[in-house]
Amino acid sequence: MMYDARKIEALKNRYPAGTRIELISMDDPYTKLKSGDKGTVLGVDDAGQIVMNWDSGSSLSLIPGEDSFKIACENQIDDEEDMEL
C-alpha cells in the first residue's frame, strides 16, 4: 500500500522516531513477533511503513492499515505516582 506525501507526513508526525509501539496483531506467517511485543520507531519510510527496532531484535516494519498496533504507555504508572507527590 502506497501513501501520498500528505499521508506520509501525517504518519511521521503521529509516530516520530523514539515513539514506543505495542503490537496488537500482524498478518505475517514468517514473523516471530506476537501480540504484546514492544519496539521503538526509527522513522517512517517513503512508502509509509513505520520502520521499527523491536525489543526482540526484529527490524520488521509496520504497515498502517494492515498491521494492528498502538502507542505504548509504559510510564503511565510512574507518571501517576509522580503526580501524587
N, C-alpha and C. Protein backbone atom coordinates (compact mmCIF):
# COMPACT_ATOMS: atom_id res chain seq x y z
N MET A 1 0.85 -1.18 0.00
CA MET A 1 0.00 0.00 0.00
C MET A 1 0.89 1.24 0.00
N MET A 2 0.71 2.10 -0.98
CA MET A 2 1.49 3.34 -1.06
C MET A 2 0.63 4.51 -0.60
N TYR A 3 1.26 5.44 0.06
CA TYR A 3 0.58 6.62 0.56
C TYR A 3 1.09 7.85 -0.18
N ASP A 4 0.24 8.88 -0.24
CA ASP A 4 0.70 10.13 -0.83
C ASP A 4 1.53 10.89 0.21
N ALA A 5 2.20 11.94 -0.24
CA ALA A 5 3.13 12.70 0.61
C ALA A 5 2.45 13.26 1.85
N ARG A 6 1.21 13.68 1.72
CA ARG A 6 0.48 14.26 2.86
C ARG A 6 0.23 13.20 3.94
N LYS A 7 -0.15 11.99 3.52
CA LYS A 7 -0.40 10.89 4.45
C LYS A 7 0.91 10.46 5.14
N ILE A 8 1.99 10.41 4.38
CA ILE A 8 3.29 10.04 4.96
C ILE A 8 3.72 11.08 6.00
N GLU A 9 3.53 12.34 5.70
CA GLU A 9 3.87 13.39 6.66
C GLU A 9 3.04 13.27 7.93
N ALA A 10 1.76 12.93 7.79
CA ALA A 10 0.89 12.73 8.96
C ALA A 10 1.39 11.54 9.80
N LEU A 11 1.82 10.48 9.14
CA LEU A 11 2.37 9.32 9.86
C LEU A 11 3.64 9.71 10.61
N LYS A 12 4.50 10.50 9.98
CA LYS A 12 5.74 10.95 10.63
C LYS A 12 5.44 11.80 11.86
N ASN A 13 4.40 12.61 11.78
CA ASN A 13 4.01 13.44 12.93
C ASN A 13 3.41 12.61 14.04
N ARG A 14 2.63 11.60 13.69
CA ARG A 14 1.96 10.76 14.71
C ARG A 14 2.93 9.77 15.35
N TYR A 15 3.89 9.28 14.57
CA TYR A 15 4.84 8.27 15.06
C TYR A 15 6.28 8.75 14.86
N PRO A 16 6.70 9.79 15.57
CA PRO A 16 8.08 10.27 15.41
C PRO A 16 9.09 9.26 15.96
N ALA A 17 10.32 9.37 15.50
CA ALA A 17 11.39 8.49 15.99
C ALA A 17 11.41 8.54 17.52
N GLY A 18 11.55 7.37 18.13
CA GLY A 18 11.58 7.27 19.58
C GLY A 18 10.26 6.86 20.19
N THR A 19 9.17 6.93 19.41
CA THR A 19 7.85 6.52 19.92
C THR A 19 7.86 5.03 20.22
N ARG A 20 7.32 4.66 21.37
CA ARG A 20 7.22 3.25 21.74
C ARG A 20 5.89 2.71 21.22
N ILE A 21 5.94 1.55 20.59
CA ILE A 21 4.78 0.91 19.97
C ILE A 21 4.57 -0.47 20.56
N GLU A 22 3.31 -0.84 20.75
CA GLU A 22 2.95 -2.19 21.17
C GLU A 22 2.17 -2.85 20.04
N LEU A 23 2.60 -4.03 19.63
CA LEU A 23 1.94 -4.76 18.56
C LEU A 23 0.67 -5.42 19.08
N ILE A 24 -0.42 -5.27 18.33
CA ILE A 24 -1.67 -5.96 18.65
C ILE A 24 -1.77 -7.20 17.78
N SER A 25 -1.60 -7.04 16.46
CA SER A 25 -1.60 -8.20 15.57
C SER A 25 -0.91 -7.85 14.26
N MET A 26 -0.39 -8.89 13.61
CA MET A 26 0.30 -8.74 12.34
C MET A 26 0.03 -10.00 11.53
N ASP A 27 -0.41 -9.83 10.29
CA ASP A 27 -0.73 -10.97 9.45
C ASP A 27 0.48 -11.33 8.59
N ASP A 28 1.50 -11.85 9.26
CA ASP A 28 2.72 -12.26 8.58
C ASP A 28 3.12 -13.63 9.11
N PRO A 29 2.97 -14.68 8.30
CA PRO A 29 3.23 -16.04 8.79
C PRO A 29 4.70 -16.31 9.10
N TYR A 30 5.60 -15.43 8.67
CA TYR A 30 7.03 -15.68 8.83
C TYR A 30 7.65 -14.93 10.02
N THR A 31 6.90 -14.04 10.66
CA THR A 31 7.47 -13.29 11.78
C THR A 31 7.33 -14.04 13.10
N LYS A 32 8.26 -13.78 13.98
CA LYS A 32 8.18 -14.33 15.33
C LYS A 32 7.58 -13.31 16.29
N LEU A 33 7.25 -12.11 15.77
CA LEU A 33 6.61 -11.10 16.61
C LEU A 33 5.21 -11.58 16.99
N LYS A 34 4.79 -11.23 18.21
CA LYS A 34 3.47 -11.63 18.68
C LYS A 34 2.79 -10.48 19.39
N SER A 35 1.52 -10.63 19.61
CA SER A 35 0.74 -9.61 20.29
C SER A 35 1.39 -9.27 21.63
N GLY A 36 1.51 -7.99 21.91
CA GLY A 36 2.11 -7.53 23.16
C GLY A 36 3.58 -7.16 23.03
N ASP A 37 4.24 -7.58 21.93
CA ASP A 37 5.63 -7.20 21.72
C ASP A 37 5.73 -5.69 21.57
N LYS A 38 6.85 -5.13 22.06
CA LYS A 38 7.05 -3.68 22.00
C LYS A 38 8.34 -3.36 21.26
N GLY A 39 8.34 -2.16 20.70
CA GLY A 39 9.51 -1.69 19.99
C GLY A 39 9.52 -0.19 19.89
N THR A 40 10.58 0.33 19.28
CA THR A 40 10.78 1.77 19.15
C THR A 40 10.79 2.16 17.68
N VAL A 41 10.06 3.22 17.37
CA VAL A 41 10.01 3.73 15.99
C VAL A 41 11.36 4.36 15.64
N LEU A 42 11.89 3.98 14.48
CA LEU A 42 13.10 4.60 13.95
C LEU A 42 12.75 5.70 12.97
N GLY A 43 11.58 5.58 12.32
CA GLY A 43 11.13 6.57 11.36
C GLY A 43 10.04 6.00 10.47
N VAL A 44 9.61 6.81 9.52
CA VAL A 44 8.61 6.40 8.53
C VAL A 44 9.27 6.52 7.17
N ASP A 45 9.23 5.43 6.38
CA ASP A 45 9.88 5.46 5.07
C ASP A 45 8.98 6.09 4.00
N ASP A 46 9.50 6.20 2.79
CA ASP A 46 8.78 6.86 1.70
C ASP A 46 7.54 6.10 1.24
N ALA A 47 7.41 4.82 1.64
CA ALA A 47 6.24 4.02 1.29
C ALA A 47 5.17 4.11 2.38
N GLY A 48 5.49 4.81 3.48
CA GLY A 48 4.53 4.95 4.57
C GLY A 48 4.61 3.82 5.59
N GLN A 49 5.66 3.00 5.52
CA GLN A 49 5.85 1.95 6.51
C GLN A 49 6.58 2.52 7.72
N ILE A 50 6.21 2.06 8.89
CA ILE A 50 6.84 2.52 10.12
C ILE A 50 8.03 1.60 10.41
N VAL A 51 9.22 2.14 10.30
CA VAL A 51 10.46 1.38 10.49
C VAL A 51 10.69 1.21 11.99
N MET A 52 10.84 -0.05 12.40
CA MET A 52 10.87 -0.38 13.83
C MET A 52 12.18 -1.03 14.26
N ASN A 53 12.48 -0.86 15.54
CA ASN A 53 13.52 -1.61 16.22
C ASN A 53 12.80 -2.31 17.37
N TRP A 54 12.41 -3.57 17.17
CA TRP A 54 11.66 -4.31 18.17
C TRP A 54 12.57 -4.77 19.30
N ASP A 55 12.05 -4.79 20.52
CA ASP A 55 12.82 -5.21 21.68
C ASP A 55 13.36 -6.64 21.50
N SER A 56 12.67 -7.44 20.72
CA SER A 56 13.07 -8.84 20.47
C SER A 56 14.26 -8.94 19.52
N GLY A 57 14.65 -7.81 18.90
CA GLY A 57 15.75 -7.82 17.95
C GLY A 57 15.29 -7.74 16.50
N SER A 58 14.01 -7.93 16.24
CA SER A 58 13.48 -7.84 14.89
C SER A 58 13.51 -6.40 14.40
N SER A 59 13.58 -6.23 13.08
CA SER A 59 13.52 -4.89 12.49
C SER A 59 12.37 -4.80 11.48
N LEU A 60 11.41 -5.71 11.59
CA LEU A 60 10.28 -5.74 10.67
C LEU A 60 9.44 -4.46 10.80
N SER A 61 9.18 -3.81 9.69
CA SER A 61 8.39 -2.58 9.69
C SER A 61 6.91 -2.87 9.86
N LEU A 62 6.20 -1.88 10.37
CA LEU A 62 4.73 -1.95 10.49
C LEU A 62 4.11 -1.30 9.26
N ILE A 63 2.99 -1.87 8.82
CA ILE A 63 2.26 -1.31 7.69
C ILE A 63 0.92 -0.81 8.20
N PRO A 64 0.77 0.53 8.34
CA PRO A 64 -0.51 1.07 8.80
C PRO A 64 -1.64 0.64 7.87
N GLY A 65 -2.76 0.25 8.45
CA GLY A 65 -3.89 -0.21 7.66
C GLY A 65 -3.91 -1.71 7.48
N GLU A 66 -2.76 -2.35 7.65
CA GLU A 66 -2.68 -3.81 7.57
C GLU A 66 -2.34 -4.42 8.93
N ASP A 67 -1.37 -3.84 9.62
CA ASP A 67 -0.98 -4.32 10.94
C ASP A 67 -1.75 -3.53 11.99
N SER A 68 -1.98 -4.16 13.12
CA SER A 68 -2.70 -3.52 14.21
C SER A 68 -1.71 -3.26 15.36
N PHE A 69 -1.64 -2.01 15.82
CA PHE A 69 -0.69 -1.63 16.85
C PHE A 69 -1.18 -0.37 17.55
N LYS A 70 -0.54 -0.05 18.67
CA LYS A 70 -0.89 1.17 19.40
C LYS A 70 0.36 1.76 20.02
N ILE A 71 0.28 3.02 20.37
CA ILE A 71 1.37 3.66 21.09
C ILE A 71 1.37 3.09 22.50
N ALA A 72 2.53 2.62 22.95
CA ALA A 72 2.66 2.01 24.28
C ALA A 72 2.79 3.11 25.32
N CYS A 73 2.13 2.93 26.45
CA CYS A 73 2.17 3.88 27.55
C CYS A 73 2.91 3.23 28.72
N GLU A 74 4.20 3.01 28.55
CA GLU A 74 4.98 2.29 29.55
C GLU A 74 5.15 3.05 30.86
N ASN A 75 5.17 4.38 30.81
CA ASN A 75 5.46 5.16 32.02
C ASN A 75 4.22 5.67 32.71
N GLN A 76 3.06 5.15 32.35
CA GLN A 76 1.81 5.66 32.91
C GLN A 76 1.77 5.54 34.43
N ILE A 77 2.17 4.41 34.99
CA ILE A 77 2.14 4.22 36.43
C ILE A 77 3.12 5.18 37.10
N ASP A 78 4.34 5.30 36.55
CA ASP A 78 5.32 6.22 37.12
C ASP A 78 4.80 7.64 37.10
N ASP A 79 4.18 8.05 35.99
CA ASP A 79 3.66 9.40 35.88
C ASP A 79 2.57 9.65 36.92
N GLU A 80 1.70 8.68 37.13
CA GLU A 80 0.64 8.83 38.11
C GLU A 80 1.21 8.93 39.52
N GLU A 81 2.24 8.15 39.82
CA GLU A 81 2.86 8.22 41.14
C GLU A 81 3.53 9.55 41.35
N ASP A 82 4.18 10.09 40.31
CA ASP A 82 4.84 11.39 40.42
C ASP A 82 3.83 12.51 40.69
N MET A 83 2.63 12.37 40.11
CA MET A 83 1.61 13.41 40.29
C MET A 83 1.09 13.42 41.72
N GLU A 84 1.16 12.31 42.42
CA GLU A 84 0.62 12.23 43.77
C GLU A 84 1.57 12.80 44.81
N LEU A 85 2.82 13.03 44.46
CA LEU A 85 3.81 13.53 45.43
C LEU A 85 3.55 14.94 45.84
